[in-house]
Amino acid sequence: MDVDFGSSVWSLPELWIFRVGLLILMLLLRDKEANFATLKATGPGCGLVLNARQLSQALQSHLCGGLYMGRSVKRYKGTLFRMGETLAISYRWQSREQQVDGLGALNMSDWQMGELIKGIEHSRCQYVWMDRFSVPQKQG
């Protein structure tokens, strides 16, 4: 590794070893999905957060009358690190719930869902925090 001006700091093999190492590290440190049982075992943190891109796709599919092609919208433990990349949503709950494929029952109007999609796109957030899915809700 030469440090003289005009010479490269990294040789080609060192650069590729570094890139492969980063790729392996990224694969090993993927986001782990969580649920309410996970929060009981590890502590509540900030509740659960939803994958913003998948949530947007599920809502768009619902509004267009189609099915969401993903399995389900992934949920992760809300940590201080994740909350910096999170859009927190507060909305007026509607009396009528709609079944959103990949998400479950959601008590939002179509207009609210459309505005949420716009908010996700505008903010470019990675996660969405909604009390409906982030903290356990008592039925009744």
C-alpha atoms as a PDB file:
ATOM      1  CA  MET A   1       0.000   0.000   0.000  1.00  0.00           C
ATOM      2  CA  ASP A   2       1.849   3.102  -1.264  1.00  0.00           C
ATOM      3  CA  VAL A   3       1.029   6.489   0.145  1.00  0.00           C
ATOM      4  CA  ASP A   4       3.021   8.605  -2.317  1.00  0.00           C
ATOM      5  CA  PHE A   5       1.113  11.184  -4.294  1.00  0.00           C
ATOM      6  CA  GLY A   6       0.042   9.845  -7.642  1.00  0.00           C
ATOM      7  CA  SER A   7      -0.084   6.207  -6.516  1.00  0.00           C
ATOM      8  CA  SER A   8      -3.134   4.358  -5.325  1.00  0.00           C
ATOM      9  CA  VAL A   9      -3.766   3.676  -1.660  1.00  0.00           C
ATOM     10  CA  TRP A  10      -5.495   0.368  -2.467  1.00  0.00           C
ATOM     11  CA  SER A  11      -4.280  -2.262  -4.874  1.00  0.00           C
ATOM     12  CA  LEU A  12      -6.922  -4.044  -6.914  1.00  0.00           C
ATOM     13  CA  PRO A  13      -6.851  -7.310  -4.883  1.00  0.00           C
ATOM     14  CA  GLU A  14      -7.065  -5.378  -1.596  1.00  0.00           C
ATOM     15  CA  LEU A  15     -10.026  -3.399  -2.899  1.00  0.00           C
ATOM     16  CA  TRP A  16     -11.904  -6.583  -3.906  1.00  0.00           C
ATOM     17  CA  ILE A  17     -11.145  -8.254  -0.571  1.00  0.00           C
ATOM     18  CA  PHE A  18     -12.508  -5.156   1.183  1.00  0.00           C
ATOM     19  CA  ARG A  19     -15.673  -5.178  -0.976  1.00  0.00           C
ATOM     20  CA  VAL A  20     -16.318  -8.893  -0.392  1.00  0.00           C
ATOM     21  CA  GLY A  21     -15.783  -8.373   3.351  1.00  0.00           C
ATOM     22  CA  LEU A  22     -18.339  -5.558   3.397  1.00  0.00           C
ATOM     23  CA  LEU A  23     -20.830  -7.668   1.451  1.00  0.00           C
ATOM     24  CA  ILE A  24     -20.474 -10.555   3.913  1.00  0.00           C
ATOM     25  CA  LEU A  25     -20.854  -8.147   6.832  1.00  0.00           C
ATOM     26  CA  MET A  26     -24.027  -6.662   5.319  1.00  0.00           C
ATOM     27  CA  LEU A  27     -25.528 -10.128   4.802  1.00  0.00           C
ATOM     28  CA  LEU A  28     -24.762 -11.170   8.373  1.00  0.00           C
ATOM     29  CA  LEU A  29     -26.143  -7.977   9.918  1.00  0.00           C
ATOM     30  CA  ARG A  30     -29.509  -7.895   8.132  1.00  0.00           C
ATOM     31  CA  ASP A  31     -32.517  -6.519   9.946  1.00  0.00           C
ATOM     32  CA  LYS A  32     -34.121  -9.220  12.047  1.00  0.00           C
ATOM     33  CA  GLU A  33     -37.894  -9.343  11.908  1.00  0.00           C
ATOM     34  CA  ALA A  34     -39.729  -8.949  15.197  1.00  0.00           C
ATOM     35  CA  ASN A  35     -43.203  -9.317  16.660  1.00  0.00           C
ATOM     36  CA  PHE A  36     -44.844  -8.559  19.999  1.00  0.00           C
ATOM     37  CA  ALA A  37     -43.463 -11.789  21.499  1.00  0.00           C
ATOM     38  CA  THR A  38     -39.955 -10.643  20.556  1.00  0.00           C
ATOM     39  CA  LEU A  39     -40.561  -7.345  22.348  1.00  0.00           C
ATOM     40  CA  LYS A  40     -41.623  -9.205  25.503  1.00  0.00           C
ATOM     41  CA  ALA A  41     -38.408 -11.215  25.460  1.00  0.00           C
ATOM     42  CA  THR A  42     -35.964  -8.419  24.553  1.00  0.00           C
ATOM     43  CA  GLY A  43     -37.656  -5.333  25.972  1.00  0.00           C
ATOM     44  CA  PRO A  44     -40.144  -3.042  24.270  1.00  0.00           C
ATOM     45  CA  GLY A  45     -37.763  -0.505  22.746  1.00  0.00           C
ATOM     46  CA  CYS A  46     -40.001   1.897  20.799  1.00  0.00           C
ATOM     47  CA  GLY A  47     -42.451  -0.809  19.767  1.00  0.00           C
ATOM     48  CA  LEU A  48     -42.485  -2.249  16.266  1.00  0.00           C
ATOM     49  CA  VAL A  49     -41.812  -0.387  13.035  1.00  0.00           C
ATOM     50  CA  LEU A  50     -42.964  -1.442   9.573  1.00  0.00           C
ATOM     51  CA  ASN A  51     -40.847  -1.631   6.425  1.00  0.00           C
ATOM     52  CA  ALA A  52     -41.877   1.579   4.639  1.00  0.00           C
ATOM     53  CA  ARG A  53     -41.355   0.379   1.063  1.00  0.00           C
ATOM     54  CA  GLN A  54     -43.349  -2.804   1.635  1.00  0.00           C
ATOM     55  CA  LEU A  55     -46.114  -0.915   3.455  1.00  0.00           C
ATOM     56  CA  SER A  56     -46.405   1.523   0.561  1.00  0.00           C
ATOM     57  CA  GLN A  57     -46.596  -1.350  -1.946  1.00  0.00           C
ATOM     58  CA  ALA A  58     -49.245  -3.179   0.108  1.00  0.00           C
ATOM     59  CA  LEU A  59     -51.367  -0.018   0.396  1.00  0.00           C
ATOM     60  CA  GLN A  60     -51.006   0.760  -3.330  1.00  0.00           C
ATOM     61  CA  SER A  61     -52.070  -2.789  -4.212  1.00  0.00           C
ATOM     62  CA  HIS A  62     -55.074  -2.498  -1.885  1.00  0.00           C
ATOM     63  CA  LEU A  63     -56.181   0.832  -3.351  1.00  0.00           C
ATOM     64  CA  CYS A  64     -55.879  -0.560  -6.892  1.00  0.00           C
ATOM     65  CA  GLY A  65     -57.972  -3.600  -5.945  1.00  0.00           C
ATOM     66  CA  GLY A  66     -55.127  -6.065  -6.372  1.00  0.00           C
ATOM     67  CA  LEU A  67     -53.195  -8.384  -4.110  1.00  0.00           C
ATOM     68  CA  TYR A  68     -49.856  -7.506  -2.542  1.00  0.00           C
ATOM     69  CA  MET A  69     -47.267  -9.846  -4.030  1.00  0.00           C
ATOM     70  CA  GLY A  70     -45.028  -9.864  -0.958  1.00  0.00           C
ATOM     71  CA  ARG A  71     -45.560 -12.334   1.877  1.00  0.00           C
ATOM     72  CA  SER A  72     -46.321  -9.758   4.539  1.00  0.00           C
ATOM     73  CA  VAL A  73     -45.041  -6.330   5.503  1.00  0.00           C
ATOM     74  CA  LYS A  74     -41.947  -6.893   7.630  1.00  0.00           C
ATOM     75  CA  ARG A  75     -41.847  -5.564  11.182  1.00  0.00           C
ATOM     76  CA  TYR A  76     -38.744  -4.748  13.196  1.00  0.00           C
ATOM     77  CA  LYS A  77     -38.015  -3.686  16.764  1.00  0.00           C
ATOM     78  CA  GLY A  78     -38.047   0.105  16.988  1.00  0.00           C
ATOM     79  CA  THR A  79     -34.622   1.077  18.300  1.00  0.00           C
ATOM     80  CA  LEU A  80     -33.118   4.540  18.684  1.00  0.00           C
ATOM     81  CA  PHE A  81     -31.064   3.859  15.563  1.00  0.00           C
ATOM     82  CA  ARG A  82     -34.137   2.906  13.499  1.00  0.00           C
ATOM     83  CA  MET A  83     -36.303   5.730  14.829  1.00  0.00           C
ATOM     84  CA  GLY A  84     -34.040   8.249  13.079  1.00  0.00           C
ATOM     85  CA  GLU A  85     -35.171   6.712   9.773  1.00  0.00           C
ATOM     86  CA  THR A  86     -38.814   6.321  10.803  1.00  0.00           C
ATOM     87  CA  LEU A  87     -41.956   8.205   9.801  1.00  0.00           C
ATOM     88  CA  ALA A  88     -44.340   8.280  12.796  1.00  0.00           C
ATOM     89  CA  ILE A  89     -47.994   8.307  11.771  1.00  0.00           C
ATOM     90  CA  SER A  90     -50.896   9.603  13.821  1.00  0.00           C
ATOM     91  CA  TYR A  91     -54.337   9.444  12.261  1.00  0.00           C
ATOM     92  CA  ARG A  92     -57.999   9.432  13.185  1.00  0.00           C
ATOM     93  CA  TRP A  93     -59.134   5.834  13.450  1.00  0.00           C
ATOM     94  CA  GLN A  94     -62.113   4.975  11.263  1.00  0.00           C
ATOM     95  CA  SER A  95     -64.947   2.797  12.572  1.00  0.00           C
ATOM     96  CA  ARG A  96     -64.726   0.541   9.504  1.00  0.00           C
ATOM     97  CA  GLU A  97     -61.666  -1.678   9.140  1.00  0.00           C
ATOM     98  CA  GLN A  98     -60.346  -2.800   5.776  1.00  0.00           C
ATOM     99  CA  GLN A  99     -58.335  -5.966   5.220  1.00  0.00           C
ATOM    100  CA  VAL A 100     -55.074  -5.018   3.540  1.00  0.00           C
ATOM    101  CA  ASP A 101     -53.284  -7.979   1.987  1.00  0.00           C
ATOM    102  CA  GLY A 102     -49.873  -8.479   3.620  1.00  0.00           C
ATOM    103  CA  LEU A 103     -50.752  -6.231   6.567  1.00  0.00           C
ATOM    104  CA  GLY A 104     -54.045  -7.235   8.145  1.00  0.00           C
ATOM    105  CA  ALA A 105     -56.921  -5.120   9.394  1.00  0.00           C
ATOM    106  CA  LEU A 106     -56.363  -1.385   9.020  1.00  0.00           C
ATOM    107  CA  ASN A 107     -58.832   1.244  10.206  1.00  0.00           C
ATOM    108  CA  MET A 108     -57.926   3.937   7.649  1.00  0.00           C
ATOM    109  CA  SER A 109     -59.997   5.416   4.871  1.00  0.00           C
ATOM    110  CA  ASP A 110     -58.806   5.121   1.279  1.00  0.00           C
ATOM    111  CA  TRP A 111     -57.896   8.823   1.379  1.00  0.00           C
ATOM    112  CA  GLN A 112     -55.766   8.313   4.511  1.00  0.00           C
ATOM    113  CA  MET A 113     -53.985   5.376   2.868  1.00  0.00           C
ATOM    114  CA  GLY A 114     -53.266   7.469  -0.215  1.00  0.00           C
ATOM    115  CA  GLU A 115     -51.865  10.290   1.910  1.00  0.00           C
ATOM    116  CA  LEU A 116     -49.701   7.813   3.817  1.00  0.00           C
ATOM    117  CA  ILE A 117     -48.256   6.529   0.535  1.00  0.00           C
ATOM    118  CA  LYS A 118     -47.433  10.128  -0.451  1.00  0.00           C
ATOM    119  CA  GLY A 119     -45.845  10.739   2.966  1.00  0.00           C
ATOM    120  CA  ILE A 120     -43.637   7.668   2.648  1.00  0.00           C
ATOM    121  CA  GLU A 121     -42.530   8.690  -0.846  1.00  0.00           C
ATOM    122  CA  HIS A 122     -41.892  12.305   0.170  1.00  0.00           C
ATOM    123  CA  SER A 123     -39.957  11.504   3.353  1.00  0.00           C
ATOM    124  CA  ARG A 124     -37.937   8.630   1.860  1.00  0.00           C
ATOM    125  CA  CYS A 125     -38.093   6.954   5.279  1.00  0.00           C
ATOM    126  CA  GLN A 126     -37.005   3.361   5.815  1.00  0.00           C
ATOM    127  CA  TYR A 127     -39.610   2.541   8.467  1.00  0.00           C
ATOM    128  CA  VAL A 128     -43.097   3.601   9.554  1.00  0.00           C
ATOM    129  CA  TRP A 129     -44.354   3.687  13.159  1.00  0.00           C
ATOM    130  CA  MET A 130     -48.142   3.386  13.516  1.00  0.00           C
ATOM    131  CA  ASP A 131     -49.646   2.639  16.929  1.00  0.00           C
ATOM    132  CA  ARG A 132     -52.047   0.173  15.318  1.00  0.00           C
ATOM    133  CA  PHE A 133     -49.106  -2.125  14.457  1.00  0.00           C
ATOM    134  CA  SER A 134     -46.392  -0.875  16.797  1.00  0.00           C
ATOM    135  CA  VAL A 135     -47.885  -1.460  20.243  1.00  0.00           C
ATOM    136  CA  PRO A 136     -50.254  -4.250  21.320  1.00  0.00           C
ATOM    137  CA  GLN A 137     -53.910  -3.254  21.012  1.00  0.00           C
ATOM    138  CA  LYS A 138     -56.639  -4.557  23.302  1.00  0.00           C
ATOM    139  CA  GLN A 139     -59.656  -5.844  21.448  1.00  0.00           C
ATOM    140  CA  GLY A 140     -62.992  -4.767  22.769  1.00  0.00           C
END
